[in-house]
N, C-alpha and C. Protein backbone atom coordinates (compact mmCIF):
# COMPACT_ATOMS: atom_id res chain seq x y z
N MET A 1 40.35 -11.27 -0.67
CA MET A 1 39.44 -10.83 -1.70
C MET A 1 39.01 -12.04 -2.53
N GLU A 2 37.70 -12.16 -2.78
CA GLU A 2 37.17 -13.28 -3.55
C GLU A 2 37.15 -12.95 -5.03
N ASN A 3 37.26 -14.01 -5.84
CA ASN A 3 37.14 -13.83 -7.28
C ASN A 3 35.67 -13.67 -7.65
N ASP A 4 35.40 -12.81 -8.60
CA ASP A 4 34.03 -12.62 -9.08
C ASP A 4 33.80 -13.54 -10.25
N ASN A 5 33.03 -14.62 -10.03
CA ASN A 5 32.76 -15.59 -11.08
C ASN A 5 31.64 -15.17 -12.00
N ARG A 6 31.10 -13.99 -11.79
CA ARG A 6 30.01 -13.51 -12.62
C ARG A 6 30.51 -12.68 -13.79
N SER A 7 31.75 -12.80 -14.12
CA SER A 7 32.31 -11.99 -15.20
C SER A 7 31.61 -12.30 -16.51
N LYS A 8 31.57 -11.30 -17.37
CA LYS A 8 30.86 -11.42 -18.63
C LYS A 8 31.52 -12.43 -19.55
N SER A 9 30.69 -13.25 -20.19
CA SER A 9 31.17 -14.24 -21.13
C SER A 9 31.76 -13.56 -22.35
N LYS A 10 32.80 -14.13 -22.91
CA LYS A 10 33.40 -13.57 -24.12
C LYS A 10 32.51 -13.76 -25.33
N ASP A 11 31.53 -14.69 -25.23
CA ASP A 11 30.61 -14.94 -26.33
C ASP A 11 29.47 -13.93 -26.38
N THR A 12 29.29 -13.14 -25.35
CA THR A 12 28.21 -12.18 -25.30
C THR A 12 28.72 -10.83 -25.76
N PRO A 13 28.27 -10.36 -26.93
CA PRO A 13 28.75 -9.06 -27.40
C PRO A 13 28.23 -7.92 -26.53
N HIS A 14 29.04 -6.94 -26.37
CA HIS A 14 28.67 -5.73 -25.64
C HIS A 14 28.66 -4.59 -26.65
N LEU A 15 27.51 -3.96 -26.80
CA LEU A 15 27.38 -2.87 -27.76
C LEU A 15 27.01 -1.59 -27.04
N SER A 16 27.53 -0.48 -27.49
CA SER A 16 27.12 0.81 -26.97
C SER A 16 26.37 1.53 -28.08
N LEU A 17 25.08 1.81 -27.83
CA LEU A 17 24.27 2.47 -28.84
C LEU A 17 24.36 3.98 -28.74
N SER A 18 24.75 4.46 -27.61
CA SER A 18 24.99 5.88 -27.42
C SER A 18 26.00 5.99 -26.29
N GLN A 19 26.30 7.19 -25.94
CA GLN A 19 27.27 7.40 -24.86
C GLN A 19 26.75 6.81 -23.55
N TYR A 20 25.43 6.70 -23.41
CA TYR A 20 24.84 6.32 -22.13
C TYR A 20 24.15 4.96 -22.11
N VAL A 21 23.87 4.37 -23.28
CA VAL A 21 23.12 3.11 -23.34
C VAL A 21 24.05 1.98 -23.76
N LYS A 22 23.95 0.85 -23.05
CA LYS A 22 24.79 -0.32 -23.32
C LYS A 22 23.90 -1.53 -23.54
N LEU A 23 24.29 -2.40 -24.45
CA LEU A 23 23.57 -3.64 -24.72
C LEU A 23 24.49 -4.82 -24.46
N ASP A 24 24.01 -5.80 -23.70
CA ASP A 24 24.65 -7.10 -23.60
C ASP A 24 23.71 -8.05 -24.32
N MET A 25 24.14 -8.57 -25.46
CA MET A 25 23.22 -9.20 -26.38
C MET A 25 23.67 -10.57 -26.86
N SER A 26 22.69 -11.47 -26.99
CA SER A 26 22.90 -12.72 -27.70
C SER A 26 21.92 -12.71 -28.87
N GLN A 27 21.74 -13.82 -29.54
CA GLN A 27 20.88 -13.86 -30.72
C GLN A 27 19.42 -13.56 -30.38
N ASN A 28 18.92 -14.09 -29.27
CA ASN A 28 17.50 -13.96 -28.94
C ASN A 28 17.21 -13.25 -27.62
N TYR A 29 18.21 -12.78 -26.92
CA TYR A 29 18.00 -12.16 -25.62
C TYR A 29 19.02 -11.05 -25.41
N CYS A 30 18.58 -9.96 -24.81
CA CYS A 30 19.54 -8.90 -24.49
C CYS A 30 19.08 -8.15 -23.25
N ILE A 31 20.04 -7.47 -22.64
CA ILE A 31 19.76 -6.59 -21.52
C ILE A 31 20.28 -5.21 -21.92
N VAL A 32 19.38 -4.25 -21.87
CA VAL A 32 19.70 -2.86 -22.18
C VAL A 32 19.91 -2.15 -20.85
N SER A 33 20.99 -1.40 -20.72
CA SER A 33 21.24 -0.68 -19.47
C SER A 33 21.61 0.77 -19.75
N CYS A 34 21.31 1.62 -18.77
CA CYS A 34 21.53 3.05 -18.93
C CYS A 34 21.54 3.71 -17.56
N SER A 35 22.21 4.83 -17.44
CA SER A 35 22.18 5.61 -16.22
C SER A 35 20.75 6.09 -15.96
N LYS A 36 20.37 6.12 -14.68
CA LYS A 36 19.02 6.58 -14.34
C LYS A 36 18.82 8.06 -14.68
N HIS A 37 19.90 8.77 -14.92
CA HIS A 37 19.82 10.18 -15.28
C HIS A 37 19.61 10.39 -16.78
N ARG A 38 19.65 9.30 -17.55
CA ARG A 38 19.52 9.39 -19.01
C ARG A 38 18.37 8.52 -19.53
N LEU A 39 17.25 8.52 -18.82
CA LEU A 39 16.12 7.67 -19.19
C LEU A 39 15.58 7.93 -20.60
N PRO A 40 15.57 9.17 -21.11
CA PRO A 40 15.11 9.35 -22.50
C PRO A 40 15.94 8.55 -23.51
N ASP A 41 17.24 8.42 -23.26
CA ASP A 41 18.09 7.62 -24.14
C ASP A 41 17.69 6.15 -24.10
N LEU A 42 17.41 5.65 -22.90
CA LEU A 42 16.97 4.26 -22.74
C LEU A 42 15.64 4.03 -23.46
N VAL A 43 14.71 4.94 -23.29
CA VAL A 43 13.40 4.83 -23.93
C VAL A 43 13.56 4.80 -25.46
N ASN A 44 14.40 5.66 -26.01
CA ASN A 44 14.61 5.70 -27.46
C ASN A 44 15.19 4.39 -27.99
N VAL A 45 16.15 3.82 -27.28
CA VAL A 45 16.76 2.56 -27.71
C VAL A 45 15.76 1.42 -27.64
N VAL A 46 15.02 1.32 -26.53
CA VAL A 46 14.03 0.25 -26.38
C VAL A 46 12.96 0.39 -27.45
N ASP A 47 12.51 1.59 -27.71
CA ASP A 47 11.50 1.82 -28.75
C ASP A 47 12.02 1.39 -30.13
N SER A 48 13.25 1.72 -30.44
CA SER A 48 13.85 1.31 -31.72
C SER A 48 13.95 -0.20 -31.83
N MET A 49 14.31 -0.84 -30.73
CA MET A 49 14.43 -2.31 -30.75
C MET A 49 13.07 -2.97 -30.91
N VAL A 50 12.03 -2.43 -30.28
CA VAL A 50 10.68 -2.97 -30.46
C VAL A 50 10.28 -2.86 -31.93
N ASN A 51 10.60 -1.75 -32.57
CA ASN A 51 10.31 -1.58 -33.99
C ASN A 51 11.07 -2.56 -34.87
N GLU A 52 12.19 -3.09 -34.37
CA GLU A 52 12.99 -4.08 -35.11
C GLU A 52 12.61 -5.52 -34.76
N GLY A 53 11.54 -5.71 -33.98
CA GLY A 53 11.06 -7.05 -33.69
C GLY A 53 11.41 -7.59 -32.32
N TRP A 54 12.10 -6.83 -31.49
CA TRP A 54 12.40 -7.25 -30.12
C TRP A 54 11.18 -7.01 -29.25
N MET A 55 11.00 -7.86 -28.23
CA MET A 55 9.88 -7.72 -27.30
C MET A 55 10.42 -7.51 -25.89
N ILE A 56 9.75 -6.65 -25.14
CA ILE A 56 10.11 -6.43 -23.75
C ILE A 56 9.68 -7.67 -22.96
N THR A 57 10.62 -8.28 -22.22
CA THR A 57 10.30 -9.52 -21.52
C THR A 57 9.97 -9.34 -20.06
N SER A 58 10.34 -8.28 -19.46
CA SER A 58 10.01 -8.09 -18.04
C SER A 58 9.96 -6.61 -17.74
N GLY A 59 9.65 -6.30 -16.51
CA GLY A 59 9.60 -4.91 -16.10
C GLY A 59 10.98 -4.30 -15.98
N LEU A 60 11.00 -3.02 -15.87
CA LEU A 60 12.23 -2.26 -15.71
C LEU A 60 12.74 -2.46 -14.28
N THR A 61 14.05 -2.59 -14.14
CA THR A 61 14.64 -2.73 -12.80
C THR A 61 15.85 -1.81 -12.70
N SER A 62 16.31 -1.56 -11.49
CA SER A 62 17.46 -0.68 -11.32
C SER A 62 18.37 -1.20 -10.21
N ASP A 63 19.62 -0.79 -10.31
CA ASP A 63 20.60 -1.13 -9.29
C ASP A 63 21.78 -0.18 -9.42
N ASP A 64 22.21 0.39 -8.33
CA ASP A 64 23.42 1.21 -8.27
C ASP A 64 23.42 2.32 -9.31
N GLY A 65 22.29 2.98 -9.50
CA GLY A 65 22.22 4.12 -10.41
C GLY A 65 22.02 3.77 -11.86
N LEU A 66 21.84 2.49 -12.17
CA LEU A 66 21.60 2.06 -13.55
C LEU A 66 20.20 1.47 -13.68
N MET A 67 19.60 1.64 -14.85
CA MET A 67 18.31 1.05 -15.18
C MET A 67 18.57 -0.09 -16.15
N PHE A 68 17.81 -1.18 -16.02
CA PHE A 68 17.98 -2.36 -16.85
C PHE A 68 16.64 -2.78 -17.45
N GLN A 69 16.65 -3.13 -18.72
CA GLN A 69 15.47 -3.66 -19.39
C GLN A 69 15.88 -4.90 -20.17
N SER A 70 15.19 -6.02 -19.94
CA SER A 70 15.50 -7.22 -20.71
C SER A 70 14.54 -7.30 -21.89
N MET A 71 15.05 -7.86 -22.99
CA MET A 71 14.27 -7.97 -24.22
C MET A 71 14.59 -9.30 -24.90
N SER A 72 13.60 -9.83 -25.62
CA SER A 72 13.77 -11.10 -26.34
C SER A 72 13.31 -10.93 -27.78
N LYS A 73 13.88 -11.76 -28.63
CA LYS A 73 13.49 -11.77 -30.04
C LYS A 73 13.30 -13.22 -30.45
N PHE A 74 12.11 -13.54 -30.90
CA PHE A 74 11.78 -14.88 -31.33
C PHE A 74 11.56 -14.84 -32.83
N SER A 75 12.61 -15.03 -33.59
CA SER A 75 12.53 -14.88 -35.04
C SER A 75 11.54 -15.85 -35.66
N GLY A 76 11.44 -17.10 -35.16
CA GLY A 76 10.48 -18.05 -35.71
C GLY A 76 9.05 -17.58 -35.52
N THR A 77 8.76 -17.02 -34.35
CA THR A 77 7.42 -16.51 -34.06
C THR A 77 7.09 -15.34 -34.95
N LEU A 78 8.05 -14.45 -35.15
CA LEU A 78 7.81 -13.28 -35.99
C LEU A 78 7.61 -13.68 -37.44
N ASP A 79 8.36 -14.67 -37.93
CA ASP A 79 8.21 -15.12 -39.30
C ASP A 79 6.84 -15.74 -39.53
N ASN A 80 6.36 -16.54 -38.58
CA ASN A 80 5.05 -17.17 -38.71
C ASN A 80 3.92 -16.16 -38.69
N SER A 81 4.03 -15.11 -37.87
CA SER A 81 2.96 -14.13 -37.81
C SER A 81 2.88 -13.33 -39.10
N SER A 82 4.02 -13.05 -39.74
CA SER A 82 3.97 -12.31 -40.99
C SER A 82 3.39 -13.16 -42.11
N SER A 83 3.63 -14.46 -42.10
CA SER A 83 3.06 -15.31 -43.14
C SER A 83 1.57 -15.47 -42.96
N ILE A 84 1.08 -15.39 -41.72
CA ILE A 84 -0.34 -15.48 -41.47
C ILE A 84 -1.05 -14.25 -42.03
N THR A 85 -0.48 -13.07 -41.84
CA THR A 85 -1.12 -11.86 -42.36
C THR A 85 -1.08 -11.81 -43.87
N ASN A 86 -0.09 -12.42 -44.48
CA ASN A 86 -0.01 -12.46 -45.94
C ASN A 86 -1.08 -13.37 -46.54
N GLU A 87 -1.51 -14.41 -45.77
CA GLU A 87 -2.49 -15.34 -46.28
C GLU A 87 -3.90 -14.77 -46.21
N VAL A 88 -4.15 -13.82 -45.31
CA VAL A 88 -5.51 -13.30 -45.11
C VAL A 88 -5.90 -12.32 -46.15
């Protein structure tokens, strides 16, 4: 049996937002995952994160009954855009 070197880093927090949705998150990047049978839960979490300034970085993908969505947050970009609207 081979060792799995793809084990999760201890520096990457794992959060559960509901019974079915899981986040593997760093400061500017995260992967949201959920069972394919609970897509409304995934949609609600992704929608909430978009409202908090996260951006969807790629298309939805699936593997072994799970759905995955990657998201990024660029705090510098968001800060600059809000200052631009304040100046207008």
